[in-house]
Amino acid sequence: MTTNHAAPLDVAVIGAGFAGIGTAIRLRQSGIGNFAVFERGSAIGGTWRDNTYPGAACDIPSRLYSYSFAPNPEWSHTYSGSAEILGYIESITAKYEVAPHIRLRHNVTGMSFDEETGLWDIRFEGRETVRARAVVLASGPLTEPGFPDIPEIDTFTGHKIHSARWDHDYDFTGKRVAVVGTGASAVQIIPELVRKAGSVKVFQRTPGWVLPRVNRRTGTLAKEIYRQVPGAETLARQAWFYGHESVALGVVWNTPLTRVVELVGRAQLRRQVRDPWLRRQLTPEFRAGCKRLLMSDDYYPALQRDNCKLITWPIARIAPDGIRTAEGIEHRADCIVFATGFDVSKKGTPIPITGRDGRVLADEWRRGAFAYRSVTVSGYPNLFLTFGPNSGPGHNSALVYMESQIDYLVRAVRIILDRDLTMLDVRPDRQERYNAAIQRRLGATTWNSGCRSWYLTEDGFNPTMYPGFATQYRHQLRDVDLDDYTVTTARIGHSADVGPGVLSGG
């Protein structure tokens, strides 16, 4: 494709999900208008556009799973469904007037940094190359559906559905349905399928910790208070935030509070599951927090319905008519639902990214992703990540972390533009020191305590989670400290004194 010879953008944002829209809003609010948001799909929304399976919802309270700079007094329940969350993304896109900046059906195929000009060349499928002074990679980790590595998976002659690409035209009424997976999406899907399907067989590899999810409707009076008294919503958000912060003491590290979390999970299991053998099959053998906690009030009851059966034998292979398990039984099915999450990129990159001196980020991340404070990577100037390496929360809202990243990168972009920099590149020694400290701290967490999860690479490296409180994570991104960066002005190769060393978030 040819290069677009129009004036370069100040900022190119890749992805129009929660992160991309949030970045666009904050760019506008900081006075930056020469930017575009490139989205490969035909609509905005990212994960919440794609995940429309029955029962799809967030397991973080809505007042916390939203931006503090874009509050929503109209949340209908404590925990919102996917349609309402998508509606929120669409509403803030309109309210903060970022829609004109969005370019749909722009699939990025690669990008490379030009050291002579200090610009990123961004390549698209079937479109002209675009140049930009800074790039925000906001595509997120939860984009590509992940199918399990099961032999002969393509031989099944029935209907296959992945939770992230739901087929709303398929009629489950009276059908024999097999569900592979018992994670966060599965515990939402299974109760809905049990209500419609003729039979449902749930294939479980590892049981998880399931905690109560009390989802209350927000009353008219409460909504009116939130509309008329903005401080009320801020107060409610802070209450949820610090409540979730306290949970870190029980799930991020193995402490006496971990026993409390497990007691709550066991109490839920005893209260909802009467059969001792089924209860044993559903009891986790790892510490709470080692894998993602599940939130549901109707998963256990669904498993005990007459038309539902839990299968704990390992899957040997997929057969043309169903699923064959290790003991030799073939479970026939009309439809297999893969509730197996996403192909999270813990290694490599979602698109080819070439930085300074021809270095390729996928090569550097081949043993596991890393970054400086999750946001920047040495050798890739003016490139910023959202929800980057080691920014995953185990106890709080991902949007709390994401909002901190967005505010940090917007301040950094403001520095690039205001001081006419060609390169703002994190120093390799600062990056190495930061990541060495992160991995040391991770060694003391439940995630690295020996259980297998999608948080870890095959060799046990954890590029995913942040080993601390959300408060600590926010604090480290409060200031852009220019001492952490190599700063180059328009005179190529000239490292400059660009003024004060810190730009604070206030």
Protein backbone atom coordinates (compact mmCIF):
# COMPACT_ATOMS: atom_id res chain seq x y z
CA MET A 1 0.00 0.00 0.00
CA THR A 2 1.12 3.57 -0.65
CA THR A 3 1.80 6.11 2.05
CA ASN A 4 -0.77 8.77 2.77
CA HIS A 5 1.06 12.05 2.10
CA ALA A 6 -1.29 14.10 4.28
CA ALA A 7 0.20 15.79 7.33
CA PRO A 8 1.00 13.20 10.01
CA LEU A 9 -1.32 12.67 12.90
CA ASP A 10 -0.20 13.72 16.33
CA VAL A 11 -1.58 10.47 17.73
CA ALA A 12 -2.87 7.23 16.21
CA VAL A 13 -4.94 5.08 18.55
CA ILE A 14 -5.28 1.41 17.58
CA GLY A 15 -8.59 -0.06 18.75
CA ALA A 16 -11.98 1.45 19.60
CA GLY A 17 -12.85 -0.55 22.68
CA PHE A 18 -12.91 0.75 26.24
CA ALA A 19 -9.22 1.73 26.15
CA GLY A 20 -9.30 3.40 22.75
CA ILE A 21 -12.42 5.44 23.48
CA GLY A 22 -11.10 6.44 26.90
CA THR A 23 -7.83 7.55 25.32
CA ALA A 24 -9.69 9.58 22.69
CA ILE A 25 -11.72 11.36 25.37
CA ARG A 26 -8.66 12.25 27.43
CA LEU A 27 -6.75 13.42 24.34
CA ARG A 28 -9.57 15.82 23.51
CA GLN A 29 -9.81 17.00 27.10
CA SER A 30 -6.07 17.75 27.07
CA GLY A 31 -6.45 19.89 23.94
CA ILE A 32 -5.10 17.37 21.43
CA GLY A 33 -7.34 17.22 18.38
CA ASN A 34 -5.14 15.87 15.59
CA PHE A 35 -5.65 12.18 16.27
CA ALA A 36 -7.55 9.23 14.87
CA VAL A 37 -8.81 5.98 16.37
CA PHE A 38 -8.42 3.02 13.99
CA GLU A 39 -10.79 0.09 14.52
CA ARG A 40 -10.64 -3.10 12.47
CA GLY A 41 -14.31 -3.90 13.08
CA SER A 42 -17.46 -2.29 11.75
CA ALA A 43 -18.47 -0.86 15.13
CA ILE A 44 -16.90 0.34 18.37
CA GLY A 45 -17.00 -1.53 21.66
CA GLY A 46 -14.23 -4.12 21.52
CA THR A 47 -14.80 -6.97 23.96
CA TRP A 48 -18.31 -5.79 24.78
CA ARG A 49 -19.25 -5.57 21.11
CA ASP A 50 -18.04 -9.13 20.54
CA ASN A 51 -19.26 -10.88 23.70
CA THR A 52 -23.03 -11.11 23.33
CA TYR A 53 -23.55 -14.65 24.56
CA PRO A 54 -26.59 -15.33 26.78
CA GLY A 55 -25.95 -14.06 30.29
CA ALA A 56 -22.89 -12.01 29.32
CA ALA A 57 -22.12 -9.55 32.11
CA CYS A 58 -19.28 -7.98 34.05
CA ASP A 59 -18.24 -9.37 37.44
CA ILE A 60 -17.03 -5.95 38.62
CA PRO A 61 -19.65 -3.46 39.91
CA SER A 62 -20.75 -1.01 37.22
CA ARG A 63 -19.76 2.11 39.16
CA LEU A 64 -16.24 0.79 39.24
CA TYR A 65 -16.30 -0.70 35.74
CA SER A 66 -16.57 2.72 34.15
CA TYR A 67 -14.36 5.79 33.93
CA SER A 68 -14.22 8.26 36.82
CA PHE A 69 -14.09 11.07 34.24
CA ALA A 70 -17.26 9.75 32.55
CA PRO A 71 -19.69 8.72 35.30
CA ASN A 72 -23.02 7.12 34.48
CA PRO A 73 -25.91 7.64 36.94
CA GLU A 74 -28.18 5.37 34.88
CA TRP A 75 -26.69 1.94 35.66
CA SER A 76 -29.65 -0.38 36.10
CA HIS A 77 -28.01 -2.98 38.38
CA THR A 78 -25.00 -3.47 40.60
CA TYR A 79 -23.46 -5.59 37.85
CA SER A 80 -24.31 -4.70 34.26
CA GLY A 81 -24.89 -6.94 31.29
CA SER A 82 -22.90 -6.68 28.08
CA ALA A 83 -25.57 -4.71 26.21
CA GLU A 84 -25.69 -2.02 28.90
CA ILE A 85 -21.88 -1.79 29.03
CA LEU A 86 -21.74 -1.43 25.25
CA GLY A 87 -24.42 1.25 25.52
CA TYR A 88 -22.20 3.10 28.01
CA ILE A 89 -19.25 3.01 25.60
CA GLU A 90 -21.46 4.31 22.80
CA SER A 91 -22.92 7.03 25.03
CA ILE A 92 -19.57 8.43 26.17
CA THR A 93 -18.33 8.33 22.57
CA ALA A 94 -21.22 10.63 21.64
CA LYS A 95 -21.16 12.76 24.81
CA TYR A 96 -17.46 13.61 24.54
CA GLU A 97 -17.61 14.04 20.74
CA VAL A 98 -14.94 11.55 19.73
CA ALA A 99 -16.96 9.77 17.03
CA PRO A 100 -15.56 12.02 14.23
CA HIS A 101 -12.08 10.75 15.10
CA ILE A 102 -12.96 7.06 14.66
CA ARG A 103 -12.04 5.20 11.47
CA LEU A 104 -13.89 1.89 11.24
CA ARG A 105 -12.81 -1.08 9.09
CA HIS A 106 -9.15 -0.14 9.38
CA ASN A 107 -7.29 -3.36 10.07
CA VAL A 108 -3.69 -2.64 11.08
CA THR A 109 -1.22 -5.11 9.55
CA GLY A 110 1.99 -3.67 10.97
CA MET A 111 3.86 -0.55 12.02
CA SER A 112 7.45 0.66 12.08
CA PHE A 113 9.32 3.63 13.52
CA ASP A 114 11.26 6.00 11.26
CA GLU A 115 14.17 7.41 13.27
CA GLU A 116 14.93 10.14 10.73
CA THR A 117 11.51 11.72 11.02
CA GLY A 118 10.45 10.51 14.46
CA LEU A 119 7.23 9.16 12.95
CA TRP A 120 5.46 5.81 13.06
CA ASP A 121 4.35 4.31 9.76
CA ILE A 122 1.11 2.39 10.29
CA ARG A 123 0.10 -0.08 7.61
CA PHE A 124 -3.45 -1.23 6.96
CA GLU A 125 -5.08 -4.00 5.00
CA GLY A 126 -6.21 -2.51 1.67
CA ARG A 127 -5.64 1.10 2.73
CA GLU A 128 -2.94 3.74 2.54
CA THR A 129 -0.21 3.89 5.19
CA VAL A 130 -0.74 6.55 7.84
CA ARG A 131 2.03 8.37 9.72
CA ALA A 132 1.80 9.55 13.31
CA ARG A 133 4.09 11.16 15.88
CA ALA A 134 2.80 8.87 18.63
CA VAL A 135 0.89 5.61 18.69
CA VAL A 136 -1.35 4.17 21.41
CA LEU A 137 -1.80 0.41 21.09
CA ALA A 138 -5.25 0.02 22.66
CA SER A 139 -6.29 -3.23 21.01
CA GLY A 140 -6.37 -5.08 24.32
CA PRO A 141 -5.55 -8.70 25.18
CA LEU A 142 -9.10 -10.08 24.90
CA THR A 143 -9.68 -9.92 21.17
CA GLU A 144 -8.98 -13.31 19.57
CA PRO A 145 -11.20 -16.25 20.58
CA GLY A 146 -9.16 -19.09 22.04
CA PHE A 147 -9.99 -22.67 21.13
CA PRO A 148 -8.56 -25.50 23.23
CA ASP A 149 -5.85 -27.75 21.86
CA ILE A 150 -8.03 -30.86 21.48
CA PRO A 151 -7.26 -33.50 18.86
CA GLU A 152 -9.55 -33.62 15.82
CA ILE A 153 -11.48 -30.53 16.85
CA ASP A 154 -12.35 -29.83 13.21
CA THR A 155 -13.96 -33.23 12.65
CA PHE A 156 -17.18 -32.38 14.52
CA THR A 157 -20.09 -32.36 12.07
CA GLY A 158 -22.54 -30.56 14.33
CA HIS A 159 -22.69 -26.87 15.18
CA LYS A 160 -19.72 -25.17 16.90
CA ILE A 161 -20.03 -21.85 18.74
CA HIS A 162 -17.38 -19.86 20.61
CA SER A 163 -18.58 -17.67 23.45
CA ALA A 164 -16.91 -14.60 21.91
CA ARG A 165 -18.56 -15.15 18.51
CA TRP A 166 -22.06 -16.16 19.53
CA ASP A 167 -24.47 -17.44 16.89
CA HIS A 168 -27.79 -15.82 17.78
CA ASP A 169 -29.53 -17.58 14.89
CA TYR A 170 -28.97 -21.04 16.33
CA ASP A 171 -32.00 -22.45 18.16
CA PHE A 172 -30.96 -24.42 21.25
CA THR A 173 -34.48 -25.58 21.98
CA GLY A 174 -34.43 -29.33 22.63
CA LYS A 175 -30.82 -29.69 21.43
CA ARG A 176 -28.05 -31.79 22.97
CA VAL A 177 -25.40 -29.24 23.94
CA ALA A 178 -21.85 -29.81 25.13
CA VAL A 179 -20.09 -26.94 26.90
CA VAL A 180 -16.28 -27.02 27.04
CA GLY A 181 -14.95 -24.84 29.84
CA THR A 182 -16.03 -23.77 33.31
CA GLY A 183 -14.48 -20.31 33.56
CA ALA A 184 -15.90 -16.81 33.82
CA SER A 185 -17.93 -16.91 30.60
CA ALA A 186 -19.08 -20.52 31.11
CA VAL A 187 -20.66 -19.86 34.51
CA GLN A 188 -22.79 -17.18 32.83
CA ILE A 189 -23.67 -19.21 29.73
CA ILE A 190 -24.53 -22.54 31.33
CA PRO A 191 -27.57 -21.36 33.37
CA GLU A 192 -29.02 -19.78 30.23
CA LEU A 193 -28.48 -22.89 28.11
CA VAL A 194 -30.01 -25.18 30.73
CA ARG A 195 -33.24 -23.18 30.47
CA LYS A 196 -33.58 -23.88 26.73
CA ALA A 197 -31.63 -26.92 25.64
CA GLY A 198 -32.86 -30.47 25.81
CA SER A 199 -29.67 -31.55 27.58
CA VAL A 200 -26.42 -29.86 28.58
CA LYS A 201 -23.17 -31.64 29.36
CA VAL A 202 -20.50 -29.48 30.99
CA PHE A 203 -16.90 -30.63 30.47
CA GLN A 204 -14.78 -29.44 33.38
CA ARG A 205 -11.00 -29.58 33.48
CA THR A 206 -10.46 -27.74 36.78
CA PRO A 207 -13.11 -26.45 39.21
CA GLY A 208 -12.82 -22.81 40.23
CA TRP A 209 -13.68 -20.81 43.30
CA VAL A 210 -17.25 -19.52 42.90
CA LEU A 211 -18.34 -16.61 45.10
CA PRO A 212 -21.81 -15.07 45.51
CA ARG A 213 -22.84 -12.35 43.08
CA VAL A 214 -25.61 -10.24 44.59
CA ASN A 215 -26.95 -8.22 41.67
CA ARG A 216 -29.45 -5.66 42.92
CA ARG A 217 -31.55 -3.38 40.74
CA THR A 218 -30.78 0.32 41.13
CA GLY A 219 -33.93 2.09 42.28
CA THR A 220 -35.41 5.26 40.80
CA LEU A 221 -34.55 7.30 43.90
CA ALA A 222 -30.92 6.17 43.84
CA LYS A 223 -30.60 7.11 40.17
CA GLU A 224 -32.08 10.52 40.86
CA ILE A 225 -29.60 11.11 43.67
CA TYR A 226 -26.73 10.14 41.37
CA ARG A 227 -28.04 12.54 38.70
CA GLN A 228 -28.53 15.49 41.01
CA VAL A 229 -25.63 14.98 43.41
CA PRO A 230 -22.47 14.12 41.45
CA GLY A 231 -20.55 13.63 44.67
CA ALA A 232 -22.85 10.75 45.58
CA GLU A 233 -21.69 8.70 42.63
CA THR A 234 -18.06 9.52 43.39
CA LEU A 235 -18.58 8.39 46.96
CA ALA A 236 -20.21 5.14 45.83
CA ARG A 237 -17.36 4.49 43.42
CA GLN A 238 -14.77 5.08 46.15
CA ALA A 239 -16.60 2.70 48.48
CA TRP A 240 -16.52 -0.05 45.87
CA PHE A 241 -12.89 0.72 45.06
CA TYR A 242 -11.60 0.42 48.61
CA GLY A 243 -13.81 -2.59 49.23
CA HIS A 244 -12.14 -4.35 46.30
CA GLU A 245 -8.71 -3.13 47.40
CA SER A 246 -9.17 -5.00 50.67
CA VAL A 247 -9.83 -8.20 48.72
CA ALA A 248 -6.21 -8.09 47.49
CA LEU A 249 -5.11 -9.20 50.95
CA GLY A 250 -6.97 -12.44 50.39
CA VAL A 251 -6.35 -13.21 46.73
CA VAL A 252 -3.09 -11.58 45.61
CA TRP A 253 -1.12 -13.06 48.49
CA ASN A 254 -1.66 -16.19 50.57
CA THR A 255 -2.72 -14.76 53.94
CA PRO A 256 -5.25 -15.60 56.67
CA LEU A 257 -7.76 -13.60 54.62
CA THR A 258 -7.30 -16.14 51.82
CA ARG A 259 -8.92 -18.67 54.18
CA VAL A 260 -11.84 -16.24 54.58
CA VAL A 261 -12.35 -16.05 50.80
CA GLU A 262 -12.21 -19.83 50.61
CA LEU A 263 -14.68 -20.18 53.49
CA VAL A 264 -17.13 -17.97 51.58
CA GLY A 265 -16.66 -20.13 48.47
CA ARG A 266 -17.10 -23.38 50.41
CA ALA A 267 -20.18 -22.02 52.18
CA GLN A 268 -21.72 -21.16 48.81
CA LEU A 269 -20.88 -24.66 47.56
CA ARG A 270 -22.40 -26.36 50.63
CA ARG A 271 -25.50 -24.18 50.52
CA GLN A 272 -26.21 -24.72 46.83
CA VAL A 273 -24.96 -28.28 46.17
CA ARG A 274 -26.51 -31.07 48.25
CA ASP A 275 -24.88 -34.10 46.64
CA PRO A 276 -21.52 -34.81 48.40
CA TRP A 277 -19.93 -36.36 45.29
CA LEU A 278 -20.86 -33.42 43.05
CA ARG A 279 -19.65 -31.06 45.75
CA ARG A 280 -16.31 -32.86 45.80
CA GLN A 281 -16.03 -32.59 42.02
CA LEU A 282 -16.63 -28.84 42.27
CA THR A 283 -14.13 -28.19 45.07
CA PRO A 284 -10.94 -26.45 43.89
CA GLU A 285 -7.55 -27.86 44.88
CA PHE A 286 -5.70 -24.55 44.65
CA ARG A 287 -5.68 -21.40 46.75
CA ALA A 288 -8.32 -18.76 46.05
CA GLY A 289 -6.90 -16.13 43.72
CA CYS A 290 -4.42 -18.44 42.00
CA LYS A 291 -6.88 -18.46 39.11
CA ARG A 292 -9.62 -15.98 38.37
CA LEU A 293 -12.41 -15.93 40.95
CA LEU A 294 -15.84 -16.70 39.53
CA MET A 295 -18.96 -14.76 40.53
CA SER A 296 -22.33 -16.49 40.20
CA ASP A 297 -25.49 -17.31 42.12
CA ASP A 298 -27.04 -19.58 39.50
CA TYR A 299 -24.15 -21.72 38.18
CA TYR A 300 -24.30 -24.43 40.87
CA PRO A 301 -28.12 -24.70 40.71
CA ALA A 302 -27.93 -25.03 36.90
CA LEU A 303 -25.54 -27.97 37.17
CA GLN A 304 -28.11 -29.81 39.28
CA ARG A 305 -31.02 -29.44 36.89
CA ASP A 306 -32.36 -32.72 35.47
CA ASN A 307 -31.15 -31.86 31.96
CA CYS A 308 -27.59 -30.95 33.00
CA LYS A 309 -24.62 -33.19 33.80
CA LEU A 310 -21.06 -32.37 34.86
CA ILE A 311 -18.33 -34.39 33.11
CA THR A 312 -14.93 -34.41 34.81
CA TRP A 313 -13.14 -37.06 32.72
CA PRO A 314 -10.50 -35.41 30.50
CA ILE A 315 -11.45 -34.89 26.87
CA ALA A 316 -9.50 -37.30 24.65
CA ARG A 317 -10.63 -35.93 21.30
CA ILE A 318 -13.50 -34.46 19.35
CA ALA A 319 -15.50 -36.97 17.31
CA PRO A 320 -17.78 -36.32 14.32
CA ASP A 321 -20.86 -36.76 16.54
CA GLY A 322 -19.62 -35.30 19.82
CA ILE A 323 -16.86 -35.50 22.43
CA ARG A 324 -14.93 -38.60 23.46
CA THR A 325 -13.51 -38.61 26.99
CA ALA A 326 -10.48 -40.47 28.33
CA GLU A 327 -12.45 -43.45 29.68
CA GLY A 328 -13.72 -44.19 26.16
CA ILE A 329 -17.26 -42.79 26.33
CA GLU A 330 -18.52 -40.73 23.42
CA HIS A 331 -20.90 -37.96 24.43
CA ARG A 332 -23.08 -37.13 21.45
CA ALA A 333 -24.01 -33.52 20.84
CA ASP A 334 -25.84 -31.38 18.32
CA CYS A 335 -23.80 -28.34 19.31
CA ILE A 336 -20.50 -27.73 21.11
CA VAL A 337 -20.11 -24.42 22.90
CA PHE A 338 -16.49 -23.47 23.53
CA ALA A 339 -16.47 -21.19 26.59
CA THR A 340 -12.70 -21.20 26.53
CA GLY A 341 -11.91 -17.51 26.63
CA PHE A 342 -9.36 -15.74 24.51
CA ASP A 343 -6.01 -16.41 22.95
CA VAL A 344 -4.19 -14.00 25.23
CA SER A 345 -0.86 -12.95 23.76
CA LYS A 346 1.66 -13.48 26.57
CA LYS A 347 4.40 -13.72 23.97
CA GLY A 348 4.85 -11.88 20.70
CA THR A 349 2.62 -9.04 19.56
CA PRO A 350 -0.80 -8.86 17.89
CA ILE A 351 0.73 -7.08 14.89
CA PRO A 352 4.35 -6.75 13.63
CA ILE A 353 6.00 -3.79 15.39
CA THR A 354 9.46 -2.60 14.32
CA GLY A 355 11.30 -0.08 16.47
CA ARG A 356 14.71 1.58 16.48
CA ASP A 357 17.60 -0.08 14.64
CA GLY A 358 15.19 -2.56 13.04
CA ARG A 359 14.43 -4.33 16.30
CA VAL A 360 11.19 -6.35 16.31
CA LEU A 361 9.04 -6.35 19.45
CA ALA A 362 7.71 -9.86 18.83
CA ASP A 363 11.29 -11.17 18.96
CA GLU A 364 11.99 -9.38 22.22
CA TRP A 365 8.77 -10.70 23.73
CA ARG A 366 9.22 -14.29 22.53
CA ARG A 367 9.83 -15.52 26.11
CA GLY A 368 7.18 -13.27 27.63
CA ALA A 369 5.98 -9.69 27.30
CA PHE A 370 7.44 -6.86 29.40
CA ALA A 371 7.28 -3.07 29.50
CA TYR A 372 8.12 -0.13 31.72
CA ARG A 373 5.20 0.38 34.10
CA SER A 374 3.09 -1.54 31.56
CA VAL A 375 3.00 1.48 29.23
CA THR A 376 6.26 1.94 27.30
CA VAL A 377 8.96 -0.35 25.88
CA SER A 378 12.59 0.64 25.39
CA GLY A 379 13.55 0.88 21.73
CA TYR A 380 10.03 1.81 20.61
CA PRO A 381 9.83 5.58 21.05
CA ASN A 382 6.50 7.39 21.27
CA LEU A 383 4.65 4.06 21.47
CA PHE A 384 2.28 3.57 24.38
CA LEU A 385 0.34 0.52 25.54
CA THR A 386 -2.92 0.22 27.40
CA PHE A 387 -3.53 -2.88 29.50
CA GLY A 388 0.06 -3.77 28.74
CA PRO A 389 2.31 -6.35 30.42
CA ASN A 390 1.88 -6.80 34.18
CA SER A 391 -1.13 -4.54 34.52
CA GLY A 392 -3.69 -7.26 35.17
CA PRO A 393 -5.67 -6.91 38.40
CA GLY A 394 -6.67 -9.92 40.42
CA HIS A 395 -9.02 -8.08 42.74
CA ASN A 396 -10.09 -4.71 41.32
CA SER A 397 -11.45 -3.13 38.16
CA ALA A 398 -9.30 -3.27 35.04
CA LEU A 399 -10.59 0.20 34.19
CA VAL A 400 -8.93 1.65 37.29
CA TYR A 401 -5.59 0.46 35.93
CA MET A 402 -6.46 1.46 32.39
CA GLU A 403 -7.50 4.97 33.39
CA SER A 404 -4.12 5.49 35.09
CA GLN A 405 -2.32 4.29 31.96
CA ILE A 406 -4.37 6.59 29.75
CA ASP A 407 -3.71 9.66 31.88
CA TYR A 408 0.01 8.83 31.99
CA LEU A 409 0.35 8.38 28.24
CA VAL A 410 -1.69 11.50 27.47
CA ARG A 411 0.69 13.52 29.66
CA ALA A 412 3.63 11.93 27.81
CA VAL A 413 2.10 12.76 24.43
CA ARG A 414 1.55 16.31 25.64
CA ILE A 415 5.28 16.53 26.39
CA ILE A 416 6.18 15.24 22.90
CA LEU A 417 3.96 17.81 21.22
CA ASP A 418 4.63 20.81 23.47
CA ARG A 419 8.40 20.37 23.41
CA ASP A 420 8.58 19.20 19.78
CA LEU A 421 10.33 15.93 20.54
CA THR A 422 11.10 13.32 17.92
CA MET A 423 11.72 10.55 20.43
CA LEU A 424 10.62 9.83 23.97
CA ASP A 425 12.20 6.44 24.63
CA VAL A 426 12.32 4.75 28.02
CA ARG A 427 15.83 3.97 29.22
CA PRO A 428 16.67 0.26 29.08
CA ASP A 429 18.20 0.26 32.58
CA ARG A 430 15.01 1.72 34.09
CA GLN A 431 12.92 -0.86 32.27
CA GLU A 432 15.14 -3.75 33.37
CA ARG A 433 15.18 -2.58 36.99
CA TYR A 434 11.40 -2.19 37.02
CA ASN A 435 10.71 -5.62 35.57
CA ALA A 436 13.22 -7.37 37.81
CA ALA A 437 11.40 -5.88 40.80
CA ILE A 438 7.99 -6.89 39.40
CA GLN A 439 9.07 -10.51 38.91
CA ARG A 440 10.57 -10.66 42.41
CA ARG A 441 7.29 -9.41 43.88
CA LEU A 442 5.28 -11.83 41.75
CA GLY A 443 7.19 -14.70 43.33
CA ALA A 444 5.32 -14.07 46.57
CA THR A 445 1.84 -14.01 45.02
CA THR A 446 -0.79 -16.72 44.71
CA TRP A 447 -0.52 -16.55 40.90
CA ASN A 448 3.04 -17.86 41.05
CA SER A 449 2.38 -20.42 43.80
CA GLY A 450 2.33 -23.46 41.54
CA CYS A 451 -1.11 -23.66 39.90
CA ARG A 452 -1.49 -23.41 36.15
CA SER A 453 -3.44 -20.49 34.71
CA TRP A 454 -3.61 -18.30 31.61
CA TYR A 455 -1.68 -15.68 33.57
CA LEU A 456 1.57 -17.62 33.06
CA THR A 457 3.64 -18.73 30.10
CA GLU A 458 4.49 -22.41 29.69
CA ASP A 459 7.75 -21.95 31.60
CA GLY A 460 6.09 -20.14 34.53
CA PHE A 461 6.90 -16.52 33.63
CA ASN A 462 4.15 -14.10 34.62
CA PRO A 463 3.81 -11.23 32.10
CA THR A 464 0.18 -10.60 33.00
CA MET A 465 -0.54 -9.58 36.58
CA TYR A 466 0.46 -6.65 38.79
CA PRO A 467 1.68 -7.82 42.22
CA GLY A 468 0.13 -5.19 44.42
CA PHE A 469 -2.77 -2.89 45.16
CA ALA A 470 -4.47 -0.78 42.51
CA THR A 471 -3.55 2.20 44.70
CA GLN A 472 0.14 1.35 44.24
CA TYR A 473 -0.30 0.92 40.50
CA ARG A 474 -2.02 4.29 40.15
CA HIS A 475 0.68 6.00 42.21
CA GLN A 476 3.51 4.77 39.98
CA LEU A 477 1.79 6.36 36.96
CA ARG A 478 0.99 9.65 38.66
CA ASP A 479 4.02 11.42 37.18
CA VAL A 480 5.91 11.28 33.89
CA ASP A 481 9.51 11.42 35.07
CA LEU A 482 11.69 12.46 32.15
CA ASP A 483 14.73 11.03 33.93
CA ASP A 484 13.28 7.64 32.96
CA TYR A 485 13.52 8.49 29.27
CA THR A 486 15.98 9.32 26.54
CA VAL A 487 14.60 12.51 25.05
CA THR A 488 15.48 13.61 21.50
CA THR A 489 14.55 16.89 19.84
CA ALA A 490 13.94 17.70 16.18
CA ARG A 491 17.67 17.87 15.52
CA ILE A 492 18.12 14.15 14.86
CA GLY A 493 20.22 12.38 17.46
CA HIS A 494 20.40 15.45 19.74
CA SER A 495 19.53 14.58 23.32
CA ALA A 496 18.28 17.72 24.93
CA ASP A 497 17.50 19.37 28.20
CA VAL A 498 13.76 19.72 27.77
CA GLY A 499 12.97 21.36 31.06
CA PRO A 500 11.55 20.06 34.33
CA GLY A 501 12.09 16.38 34.98
CA VAL A 502 8.58 15.55 36.12
CA LEU A 503 5.13 16.25 34.71
CA SER A 504 2.64 15.50 37.46
CA GLY A 505 -0.89 14.27 37.17
CA GLY A 506 -1.92 16.78 39.82
